[in-house]
Amino acid sequence: MKVVAQMSEAVASESLDAAVELTREILRNDGYDVRLDGCDAAELRLTIIAGPDACADCLVPKELMAQIISAQLPTDLRGKQVVLTYPTEVTSG
């Protein structure tokens, strides 16, 4: 049973990596990156990070970006709510 759990965790990890990389590809051309903040049964939490040359006007509203990411998620992650933190919401400290 432990082997099955480890295989499930490995598949989940691969799916998360794929979801983060897909999001990174979407954002890269406009000067942004993404960080995985967490994932549980209900949510996939990501923070969008602005690079030094980020195009502020290019970043679509959060709700639209969440829909775009949700539509591109690997099958085993679909149905999770995508929760985003945008650069304007990140406090330095």
N, C-alpha and C. Protein backbone atom coordinates (compact mmCIF):
# COMPACT_ATOMS: atom_id res chain seq x y z
N MET A 1 0.82 -1.19 0.00
CA MET A 1 0.00 0.00 0.00
C MET A 1 0.86 1.26 0.00
N LYS A 2 2.02 1.18 0.67
CA LYS A 2 2.92 2.33 0.74
C LYS A 2 3.45 2.67 -0.66
N VAL A 3 3.72 1.66 -1.48
CA VAL A 3 4.21 1.89 -2.84
C VAL A 3 3.15 2.60 -3.67
N VAL A 4 1.90 2.21 -3.52
CA VAL A 4 0.81 2.87 -4.25
C VAL A 4 0.71 4.32 -3.83
N ALA A 5 0.83 4.60 -2.54
CA ALA A 5 0.77 5.98 -2.05
C ALA A 5 1.93 6.79 -2.60
N GLN A 6 3.11 6.18 -2.65
CA GLN A 6 4.28 6.89 -3.19
C GLN A 6 4.08 7.17 -4.68
N MET A 7 3.51 6.20 -5.41
CA MET A 7 3.26 6.41 -6.84
C MET A 7 2.24 7.52 -7.04
N SER A 8 1.21 7.56 -6.21
CA SER A 8 0.20 8.61 -6.30
C SER A 8 0.81 9.97 -6.02
N GLU A 9 1.69 10.04 -5.03
CA GLU A 9 2.37 11.29 -4.71
C GLU A 9 3.26 11.73 -5.86
N ALA A 10 3.94 10.78 -6.50
CA ALA A 10 4.81 11.10 -7.63
C ALA A 10 4.01 11.63 -8.80
N VAL A 11 2.86 11.02 -9.08
CA VAL A 11 1.99 11.49 -10.17
C VAL A 11 1.46 12.87 -9.84
N ALA A 12 1.04 13.08 -8.59
CA ALA A 12 0.55 14.40 -8.18
C ALA A 12 1.65 15.44 -8.32
N SER A 13 2.86 15.08 -7.93
CA SER A 13 3.99 16.01 -8.03
C SER A 13 4.26 16.36 -9.49
N GLU A 14 4.22 15.37 -10.37
CA GLU A 14 4.42 15.62 -11.80
C GLU A 14 3.32 16.52 -12.34
N SER A 15 2.09 16.32 -11.91
CA SER A 15 0.98 17.15 -12.36
C SER A 15 1.14 18.58 -11.88
N LEU A 16 1.55 18.74 -10.63
CA LEU A 16 1.78 20.09 -10.09
C LEU A 16 2.90 20.78 -10.85
N ASP A 17 3.98 20.05 -11.09
CA ASP A 17 5.09 20.62 -11.86
C ASP A 17 4.62 21.05 -13.24
N ALA A 18 3.80 20.21 -13.88
CA ALA A 18 3.28 20.54 -15.21
C ALA A 18 2.39 21.77 -15.16
N ALA A 19 1.56 21.88 -14.13
CA ALA A 19 0.66 23.03 -14.00
C ALA A 19 1.46 24.32 -13.78
N VAL A 20 2.50 24.24 -12.96
CA VAL A 20 3.32 25.43 -12.70
C VAL A 20 4.08 25.82 -13.97
N GLU A 21 4.64 24.84 -14.66
CA GLU A 21 5.40 25.14 -15.87
C GLU A 21 4.49 25.72 -16.96
N LEU A 22 3.29 25.20 -17.08
CA LEU A 22 2.34 25.73 -18.06
C LEU A 22 2.02 27.19 -17.74
N THR A 23 1.79 27.48 -16.48
CA THR A 23 1.50 28.85 -16.06
C THR A 23 2.70 29.75 -16.32
N ARG A 24 3.88 29.23 -16.05
CA ARG A 24 5.11 29.99 -16.30
C ARG A 24 5.22 30.36 -17.78
N GLU A 25 4.91 29.41 -18.66
CA GLU A 25 4.96 29.66 -20.11
C GLU A 25 3.97 30.75 -20.52
N ILE A 26 2.79 30.73 -19.92
CA ILE A 26 1.77 31.73 -20.23
C ILE A 26 2.26 33.13 -19.85
N LEU A 27 2.95 33.23 -18.73
CA LEU A 27 3.34 34.53 -18.17
C LEU A 27 4.70 35.06 -18.64
N ARG A 28 5.56 34.17 -19.07
CA ARG A 28 6.96 34.51 -19.37
C ARG A 28 7.12 35.66 -20.36
N ASN A 29 6.37 35.65 -21.44
CA ASN A 29 6.53 36.68 -22.48
C ASN A 29 6.23 38.08 -21.99
N ASP A 30 5.46 38.18 -20.91
CA ASP A 30 5.11 39.49 -20.38
C ASP A 30 5.95 39.88 -19.16
N GLY A 31 7.00 39.09 -18.87
CA GLY A 31 7.92 39.43 -17.80
C GLY A 31 7.54 38.94 -16.42
N TYR A 32 6.69 37.91 -16.35
CA TYR A 32 6.24 37.39 -15.06
C TYR A 32 6.71 35.96 -14.85
N ASP A 33 6.68 35.53 -13.61
CA ASP A 33 6.98 34.15 -13.24
C ASP A 33 5.90 33.70 -12.26
N VAL A 34 5.97 32.47 -11.83
CA VAL A 34 4.97 31.94 -10.92
C VAL A 34 5.65 31.08 -9.86
N ARG A 35 5.06 31.07 -8.66
CA ARG A 35 5.54 30.23 -7.56
C ARG A 35 4.36 29.41 -7.04
N LEU A 36 4.57 28.14 -6.84
CA LEU A 36 3.57 27.28 -6.23
C LEU A 36 3.59 27.51 -4.73
N ASP A 37 2.45 27.93 -4.18
CA ASP A 37 2.34 28.18 -2.74
C ASP A 37 1.69 27.03 -2.01
N GLY A 38 0.99 26.17 -2.73
CA GLY A 38 0.38 25.03 -2.08
C GLY A 38 -0.71 24.41 -2.92
N CYS A 39 -1.05 23.20 -2.55
CA CYS A 39 -2.11 22.48 -3.24
C CYS A 39 -2.72 21.51 -2.25
N ASP A 40 -4.04 21.50 -2.19
CA ASP A 40 -4.73 20.53 -1.36
C ASP A 40 -5.89 19.97 -2.19
N ALA A 41 -6.79 19.28 -1.55
CA ALA A 41 -7.88 18.64 -2.28
C ALA A 41 -8.77 19.63 -3.03
N ALA A 42 -8.85 20.86 -2.54
CA ALA A 42 -9.77 21.83 -3.13
C ALA A 42 -9.09 22.93 -3.93
N GLU A 43 -7.84 23.29 -3.58
CA GLU A 43 -7.23 24.48 -4.16
C GLU A 43 -5.81 24.24 -4.68
N LEU A 44 -5.48 25.00 -5.72
CA LEU A 44 -4.13 25.14 -6.21
C LEU A 44 -3.79 26.61 -6.02
N ARG A 45 -2.79 26.90 -5.15
CA ARG A 45 -2.44 28.27 -4.81
C ARG A 45 -1.12 28.67 -5.46
N LEU A 46 -1.19 29.75 -6.24
CA LEU A 46 -0.04 30.24 -6.99
C LEU A 46 0.16 31.73 -6.74
N THR A 47 1.42 32.16 -6.72
CA THR A 47 1.73 33.58 -6.65
C THR A 47 2.39 33.98 -7.95
N ILE A 48 1.89 35.04 -8.55
CA ILE A 48 2.46 35.60 -9.77
C ILE A 48 3.52 36.61 -9.34
N ILE A 49 4.71 36.50 -9.93
CA ILE A 49 5.85 37.34 -9.56
C ILE A 49 6.24 38.20 -10.76
N ALA A 50 6.30 39.50 -10.53
CA ALA A 50 6.69 40.43 -11.59
C ALA A 50 8.21 40.51 -11.67
N GLY A 51 8.72 40.34 -12.89
CA GLY A 51 10.14 40.53 -13.12
C GLY A 51 10.43 42.01 -13.33
N PRO A 52 11.70 42.36 -13.50
CA PRO A 52 12.07 43.77 -13.64
C PRO A 52 11.49 44.44 -14.88
N ASP A 53 11.21 43.66 -15.92
CA ASP A 53 10.67 44.22 -17.16
C ASP A 53 9.21 43.81 -17.39
N ALA A 54 8.50 43.51 -16.31
CA ALA A 54 7.11 43.04 -16.43
C ALA A 54 6.22 44.13 -17.02
N CYS A 55 5.32 43.70 -17.87
CA CYS A 55 4.35 44.58 -18.52
C CYS A 55 3.07 44.60 -17.67
N ALA A 56 2.90 45.63 -16.87
CA ALA A 56 1.76 45.71 -15.95
C ALA A 56 0.43 45.68 -16.71
N ASP A 57 0.38 46.29 -17.89
CA ASP A 57 -0.85 46.31 -18.66
C ASP A 57 -1.16 44.97 -19.32
N CYS A 58 -0.19 44.07 -19.35
CA CYS A 58 -0.37 42.78 -20.03
C CYS A 58 -1.00 41.72 -19.13
N LEU A 59 -0.95 41.92 -17.83
CA LEU A 59 -1.47 40.93 -16.90
C LEU A 59 -2.99 41.07 -16.82
N VAL A 60 -3.69 40.02 -17.26
CA VAL A 60 -5.15 40.07 -17.27
C VAL A 60 -5.69 40.03 -15.84
N PRO A 61 -6.94 40.42 -15.65
CA PRO A 61 -7.52 40.36 -14.30
C PRO A 61 -7.39 38.96 -13.70
N LYS A 62 -7.26 38.94 -12.40
CA LYS A 62 -7.02 37.70 -11.67
C LYS A 62 -8.04 36.60 -11.98
N GLU A 63 -9.30 36.96 -12.02
CA GLU A 63 -10.35 35.97 -12.26
C GLU A 63 -10.19 35.33 -13.64
N LEU A 64 -9.83 36.14 -14.64
CA LEU A 64 -9.62 35.62 -15.98
C LEU A 64 -8.39 34.72 -16.02
N MET A 65 -7.30 35.14 -15.37
CA MET A 65 -6.10 34.31 -15.34
C MET A 65 -6.39 32.98 -14.66
N ALA A 66 -7.16 32.97 -13.59
CA ALA A 66 -7.51 31.72 -12.91
C ALA A 66 -8.29 30.81 -13.85
N GLN A 67 -9.19 31.38 -14.64
CA GLN A 67 -9.95 30.58 -15.61
C GLN A 67 -9.04 30.00 -16.69
N ILE A 68 -8.09 30.80 -17.17
CA ILE A 68 -7.15 30.34 -18.19
C ILE A 68 -6.32 29.19 -17.66
N ILE A 69 -5.80 29.36 -16.45
CA ILE A 69 -4.98 28.30 -15.84
C ILE A 69 -5.82 27.05 -15.59
N SER A 70 -7.02 27.22 -15.06
CA SER A 70 -7.91 26.08 -14.79
C SER A 70 -8.19 25.26 -16.03
N ALA A 71 -8.40 25.94 -17.14
CA ALA A 71 -8.72 25.26 -18.40
C ALA A 71 -7.54 24.46 -18.93
N GLN A 72 -6.33 24.79 -18.50
CA GLN A 72 -5.13 24.13 -19.00
C GLN A 72 -4.55 23.10 -18.02
N LEU A 73 -5.18 22.92 -16.87
CA LEU A 73 -4.64 22.00 -15.86
C LEU A 73 -4.65 20.56 -16.36
N PRO A 74 -3.65 19.77 -15.92
CA PRO A 74 -3.69 18.34 -16.21
C PRO A 74 -4.99 17.73 -15.65
N THR A 75 -5.44 16.68 -16.26
CA THR A 75 -6.73 16.07 -15.93
C THR A 75 -6.91 15.81 -14.44
N ASP A 76 -5.88 15.30 -13.77
CA ASP A 76 -6.03 14.95 -12.36
C ASP A 76 -6.07 16.17 -11.43
N LEU A 77 -5.82 17.36 -11.96
CA LEU A 77 -5.92 18.58 -11.14
C LEU A 77 -7.17 19.39 -11.47
N ARG A 78 -7.87 19.01 -12.50
CA ARG A 78 -9.07 19.77 -12.88
C ARG A 78 -10.11 19.68 -11.78
N GLY A 79 -10.83 20.76 -11.61
CA GLY A 79 -11.83 20.84 -10.56
C GLY A 79 -11.31 21.56 -9.32
N LYS A 80 -10.00 21.70 -9.22
CA LYS A 80 -9.45 22.47 -8.11
C LYS A 80 -9.66 23.95 -8.39
N GLN A 81 -9.92 24.70 -7.37
CA GLN A 81 -10.02 26.15 -7.51
C GLN A 81 -8.61 26.71 -7.59
N VAL A 82 -8.35 27.52 -8.60
CA VAL A 82 -7.05 28.17 -8.73
C VAL A 82 -7.12 29.50 -7.97
N VAL A 83 -6.29 29.62 -6.94
CA VAL A 83 -6.25 30.81 -6.10
C VAL A 83 -4.93 31.53 -6.39
N LEU A 84 -5.04 32.74 -6.90
CA LEU A 84 -3.86 33.50 -7.30
C LEU A 84 -3.58 34.67 -6.36
N THR A 85 -2.31 34.94 -6.17
CA THR A 85 -1.87 36.16 -5.52
C THR A 85 -1.11 36.94 -6.58
N TYR A 86 -1.53 38.16 -6.83
CA TYR A 86 -0.91 39.00 -7.85
C TYR A 86 0.19 39.87 -7.23
N PRO A 87 1.11 40.35 -8.07
CA PRO A 87 2.23 41.16 -7.56
C PRO A 87 1.80 42.34 -6.70
N THR A 88 0.69 42.95 -7.02
CA THR A 88 0.23 44.10 -6.24
C THR A 88 -0.25 43.71 -4.85
N GLU A 89 -0.46 42.42 -4.62
CA GLU A 89 -0.94 41.93 -3.32
C GLU A 89 0.18 41.42 -2.43
N VAL A 90 1.38 41.31 -2.98
CA VAL A 90 2.51 40.76 -2.23
C VAL A 90 3.17 41.88 -1.45
N THR A 91 3.34 41.65 -0.16
CA THR A 91 4.02 42.64 0.66
C THR A 91 5.47 42.22 0.83
N SER A 92 6.36 43.17 0.73
CA SER A 92 7.78 42.84 0.95
C SER A 92 8.04 42.90 2.45
N GLY A 93 8.95 42.09 2.86
CA GLY A 93 9.21 42.11 4.28
C GLY A 93 10.21 41.20 4.66
